[in-house]
Protein backbone atom coordinates (compact mmCIF):
# COMPACT_ATOMS: atom_id res chain seq x y z
CA UNK A 1 -90.37 89.20 -33.77
CA UNK A 2 -86.64 89.66 -33.61
CA UNK A 3 -84.69 90.46 -36.83
CA UNK A 4 -82.43 87.65 -38.05
CA UNK A 5 -78.53 88.25 -37.34
CA UNK A 6 -76.29 88.44 -40.43
CA UNK A 7 -74.08 85.46 -40.89
CA UNK A 8 -70.38 86.00 -41.63
CA UNK A 9 -67.63 83.70 -42.58
CA UNK A 10 -64.14 84.05 -41.21
CA UNK A 11 -60.76 82.08 -41.12
CA UNK A 12 -58.49 81.74 -38.20
CA UNK A 13 -55.26 79.63 -37.76
CA UNK A 14 -53.75 78.13 -34.75
CA UNK A 15 -49.94 77.95 -35.23
CA UNK A 16 -47.69 75.69 -33.07
CA UNK A 17 -43.90 76.06 -32.93
CA UNK A 18 -41.34 74.42 -30.52
CA UNK A 19 -39.29 77.08 -28.64
CA UNK A 20 -37.59 77.23 -25.27
CA UNK A 21 -39.64 78.37 -22.30
CA UNK A 22 -37.04 80.85 -21.12
CA UNK A 23 -33.61 82.21 -22.02
CA UNK A 24 -30.60 79.80 -22.08
CA UNK A 25 -30.75 75.92 -22.26
CA UNK A 26 -34.25 74.79 -21.59
CA UNK A 27 -36.65 72.00 -22.61
CA UNK A 28 -38.68 73.20 -25.66
CA UNK A 29 -42.44 73.72 -25.18
CA UNK A 30 -45.26 74.51 -27.72
CA UNK A 31 -45.69 78.09 -28.38
CA UNK A 32 -48.66 80.08 -30.27
CA UNK A 33 -48.44 83.32 -31.90
CA UNK A 34 -51.29 85.71 -31.11
CA UNK A 35 -52.42 89.11 -32.41
CA UNK A 36 -53.87 91.94 -30.35
CA UNK A 37 -57.34 93.05 -31.31
CA UNK A 38 -57.38 96.80 -32.42
CA UNK A 39 -61.18 97.13 -32.43
CA UNK A 40 -64.27 96.14 -30.60
CA UNK A 41 -65.44 93.60 -29.72
CA UNK A 42 -62.64 92.39 -27.38
CA UNK A 43 -60.46 95.54 -28.02
CA UNK A 44 -56.87 95.03 -27.04
CA UNK A 45 -57.36 91.32 -26.12
CA UNK A 46 -55.18 88.68 -27.80
CA UNK A 47 -56.71 86.41 -30.39
CA UNK A 48 -55.75 83.92 -33.18
CA UNK A 49 -54.56 85.42 -36.42
CA UNK A 50 -57.20 85.47 -38.98
CA UNK A 51 -59.71 87.51 -41.07
CA UNK A 52 -62.76 87.66 -43.17
CA UNK A 53 -63.46 85.34 -46.06
CA UNK A 54 -64.56 86.89 -49.21
CA UNK A 55 -67.08 85.18 -51.64
CA UNK A 56 -64.25 84.78 -54.42
CA UNK A 57 -61.58 83.33 -52.15
CA UNK A 58 -60.63 79.56 -51.61
CA UNK A 59 -60.49 78.66 -47.91
CA UNK A 60 -56.64 77.72 -47.66
CA UNK A 61 -55.75 80.72 -49.68
CA UNK A 62 -57.75 82.94 -47.20
CA UNK A 63 -55.99 81.12 -44.19
CA UNK A 64 -52.49 81.64 -45.74
CA UNK A 65 -53.27 85.21 -46.68
CA UNK A 66 -54.43 86.31 -43.35
CA UNK A 67 -51.49 84.53 -41.75
CA UNK A 68 -48.99 86.29 -43.85
CA UNK A 69 -50.74 89.66 -43.32
CA UNK A 70 -50.93 89.38 -39.58
CA UNK A 71 -47.78 87.32 -38.70
CA UNK A 72 -45.58 87.35 -41.74
CA UNK A 73 -45.68 83.48 -41.49
CA UNK A 74 -46.01 81.25 -44.56
CA UNK A 75 -46.19 77.62 -42.90
CA UNK A 76 -45.50 74.46 -45.10
CA UNK A 77 -47.82 72.47 -42.82
CA UNK A 78 -51.38 74.05 -43.02
CA UNK A 79 -54.36 71.92 -42.55
CA UNK A 80 -58.12 72.67 -41.96
CA UNK A 81 -58.95 71.63 -38.39
CA UNK A 82 -62.58 72.36 -37.60
CA UNK A 83 -65.48 74.89 -38.11
CA UNK A 84 -66.68 76.75 -34.98
CA UNK A 85 -70.08 78.32 -35.30
CA UNK A 86 -71.83 78.51 -31.90
CA UNK A 87 -74.61 81.03 -31.77
CA UNK A 88 -73.17 83.13 -28.83
CA UNK A 89 -69.46 83.11 -29.97
CA UNK A 90 -69.34 86.60 -31.31
CA UNK A 91 -71.32 89.60 -30.05
CA UNK A 92 -73.71 90.96 -32.41
CA UNK A 93 -73.68 89.30 -35.90
CA UNK A 94 -73.17 85.68 -36.06
CA UNK A 95 -69.59 84.60 -37.21
CA UNK A 96 -68.76 81.17 -38.50
CA UNK A 97 -64.98 80.48 -38.41
CA UNK A 98 -63.36 77.90 -40.48
CA UNK A 99 -60.20 77.15 -38.42
CA UNK A 100 -56.86 76.00 -39.76
CA UNK A 101 -53.84 74.93 -37.83
CA UNK A 102 -50.14 75.10 -38.80
CA UNK A 103 -46.98 73.53 -37.45
CA UNK A 104 -43.68 75.28 -38.09
CA UNK A 105 -40.07 74.65 -37.50
CA UNK A 106 -37.78 76.80 -35.43
CA UNK A 107 -36.27 78.46 -38.62
CA UNK A 108 -39.82 79.36 -39.93
CA UNK A 109 -40.96 80.64 -36.42
CA UNK A 110 -37.88 83.02 -36.25
CA UNK A 111 -39.31 84.79 -39.29
CA UNK A 112 -42.54 85.72 -37.61
CA UNK A 113 -43.36 89.30 -36.88
CA UNK A 114 -42.96 90.32 -33.38
CA UNK A 115 -44.22 93.67 -32.20
CA UNK A 116 -46.67 95.31 -29.93
CA UNK A 117 -49.58 93.58 -31.67
CA UNK A 118 -48.00 90.12 -32.50
CA UNK A 119 -46.51 88.06 -29.48
CA UNK A 120 -45.71 84.45 -28.93
CA UNK A 121 -47.33 82.76 -25.94
CA UNK A 122 -46.54 79.33 -24.29
CA UNK A 123 -49.60 77.13 -25.41
CA UNK A 124 -50.01 75.80 -21.69
CA UNK A 125 -50.12 79.50 -20.41
CA UNK A 126 -52.44 81.50 -22.43
CA UNK A 127 -54.29 84.65 -21.29
CA UNK A 128 -57.92 84.87 -21.71
CA UNK A 129 -58.31 85.38 -25.36
CA UNK A 130 -61.00 86.83 -27.46
CA UNK A 131 -64.24 85.09 -28.63
CA UNK A 132 -63.95 81.31 -28.18
CA UNK A 133 -60.21 81.26 -29.08
CA UNK A 134 -59.17 79.43 -25.86
CA UNK A 135 -61.53 76.58 -26.64
CA UNK A 136 -60.18 76.53 -30.15
CA UNK A 137 -56.54 76.31 -29.15
CA UNK A 138 -57.60 73.46 -26.52
CA UNK A 139 -59.15 71.56 -29.54
CA UNK A 140 -56.15 72.02 -31.58
CA UNK A 141 -53.81 70.64 -28.72
CA UNK A 142 -56.18 67.73 -28.20
CA UNK A 143 -55.97 66.84 -31.96
CA UNK A 144 -52.17 67.18 -32.14
CA UNK A 145 -51.77 65.10 -29.07
CA UNK A 146 -54.05 62.42 -30.72
CA UNK A 147 -52.30 62.39 -33.93
CA UNK A 148 -48.86 62.04 -32.35
CA UNK A 149 -49.88 58.53 -31.36
CA UNK A 150 -50.27 57.14 -34.82
CA UNK A 151 -49.08 59.64 -37.46
CA UNK A 152 -45.71 61.24 -38.67
CA UNK A 153 -46.89 64.80 -37.50
CA UNK A 154 -43.75 65.27 -35.54
CA UNK A 155 -41.75 65.62 -38.79
CA UNK A 156 -43.48 69.08 -39.32
CA UNK A 157 -41.48 70.33 -36.33
CA UNK A 158 -38.29 68.60 -37.32
CA UNK A 159 -37.68 68.59 -40.94
CA UNK A 160 -36.53 65.59 -43.06
CA UNK A 161 -33.82 63.87 -40.88
CA UNK A 162 -33.60 64.09 -37.12
CA UNK A 163 -32.05 62.32 -34.02
CA UNK A 164 -34.13 60.20 -31.75
CA UNK A 165 -33.37 62.73 -29.09
CA UNK A 166 -34.99 65.31 -31.13
CA UNK A 167 -38.02 63.39 -31.81
CA UNK A 168 -38.43 62.47 -28.21
CA UNK A 169 -38.32 66.12 -27.32
CA UNK A 170 -41.24 66.89 -29.70
CA UNK A 171 -43.36 64.05 -28.19
CA UNK A 172 -42.40 65.40 -24.66
CA UNK A 173 -43.34 68.88 -25.45
CA UNK A 174 -46.68 67.93 -27.17
CA UNK A 175 -47.73 65.41 -24.54
CA UNK A 176 -46.48 67.45 -21.60
CA UNK A 177 -44.71 64.62 -19.87
CA UNK A 178 -41.22 63.13 -19.75
CA UNK A 179 -40.55 59.86 -21.72
CA UNK A 180 -37.85 57.32 -20.79
CA UNK A 181 -35.18 57.64 -23.45
CA UNK A 182 -34.54 53.87 -23.59
CA UNK A 183 -38.30 52.91 -23.88
CA UNK A 184 -38.76 55.61 -26.37
CA UNK A 185 -35.92 54.28 -28.61
CA UNK A 186 -37.14 50.85 -28.47
CA UNK A 187 -40.75 51.78 -29.32
CA UNK A 188 -39.57 53.97 -32.30
CA UNK A 189 -37.15 51.53 -33.67
CA UNK A 190 -39.63 48.68 -33.57
CA UNK A 191 -42.56 50.69 -34.96
CA UNK A 192 -41.49 50.37 -38.59
CA UNK A 193 -42.08 54.08 -39.20
CA UNK A 194 -38.40 55.06 -39.14
CA UNK A 195 -35.31 54.48 -41.20
CA UNK A 196 -31.86 54.89 -40.24
CA UNK A 197 -30.22 57.19 -42.84
CA UNK A 198 -26.72 55.90 -42.22
CA UNK A 199 -25.63 59.37 -41.26
CA UNK A 200 -24.63 61.04 -37.93
CA UNK A 201 -24.94 64.50 -36.70
CA UNK A 202 -22.01 66.50 -38.15
CA UNK A 203 -19.61 68.22 -35.64
CA UNK A 204 -20.88 66.45 -32.64
CA UNK A 205 -18.29 65.41 -29.99
CA UNK A 206 -17.55 61.87 -28.90
CA UNK A 207 -20.04 59.60 -30.74
CA UNK A 208 -22.23 61.56 -33.01
CA UNK A 209 -25.99 60.53 -32.89
CA UNK A 210 -27.67 58.80 -35.80
CA UNK A 211 -29.93 60.49 -38.10
CA UNK A 212 -33.36 58.97 -38.89
CA UNK A 213 -36.13 59.78 -41.30
CA UNK A 214 -39.62 58.70 -41.64
CA UNK A 215 -40.76 55.91 -43.92
CA UNK A 216 -42.82 57.05 -46.97
CA UNK A 217 -45.78 55.05 -45.73
CA UNK A 218 -48.16 57.01 -43.56
CA UNK A 219 -49.58 54.73 -40.81
CA UNK A 220 -53.36 54.12 -41.04
CA UNK A 221 -54.98 55.97 -38.20
CA UNK A 222 -57.28 54.05 -35.83
CA UNK A 223 -60.92 54.87 -35.59
CA UNK A 224 -60.86 58.03 -33.38
CA UNK A 225 -63.09 60.87 -32.30
CA UNK A 226 -60.90 63.62 -33.43
CA UNK A 227 -63.46 64.60 -36.11
CA UNK A 228 -66.22 64.93 -33.61
CA UNK A 229 -65.84 68.33 -31.93
CA UNK A 230 -68.26 67.77 -29.14
CA UNK A 231 -66.28 64.69 -27.82
CA UNK A 232 -62.85 66.46 -27.20
CA UNK A 233 -61.71 67.14 -23.70
CA UNK A 234 -60.72 70.48 -22.53
CA UNK A 235 -57.22 70.88 -21.37
CA UNK A 236 -57.39 73.25 -18.44
CA UNK A 237 -53.55 74.01 -18.53
CA UNK A 238 -54.08 76.29 -21.48
CA UNK A 239 -56.65 78.53 -19.75
């Protein structure tokens, strides 16, 4: 009879930020900060930031603490995503990970630690990660793309006010496809979710673009499968 494996709880966080893919003017894409493992298993492989959960610590506090310790980030948007606990996800003892996700604005992302053990990667071009972290990022991307269809989640990347061009850039980066500017404008203006602030971008040449903000009412999400982990489709582009 084999002896039972110990069960251990941990927290991990997927962080998304919009950043240019390369130097100079460029379309923004989703980026993810990863940390290099300094011990076995998966020594020197990249992984999501995270750490162990103590018996005396609240889940969200543990997620915030491990993020700050590993990346220096303290995201305003931090939400529980899912629990991953497959039997074979960790060599040796069984580890159940409560996974959070965070969305950060460029000014927040710029404050992240960047060194030999912390680095940003384009979310659609990740290396092979430790454990099942490629699958976790794939699920987080799927959840983000689903929520873009009905929620105001884009605001987490933009701040309180924004132009329609900036909002469209977020949608294009998340959905990985170009959107027709005129159609996007008509769709957003007729959605009832945006309010024209009456202000325009300061310092812009010619005709400054209008600034918008979301209404205070969050749209009711449709019945969707995002809370059923087994139904999500893998996105092979992030492997």
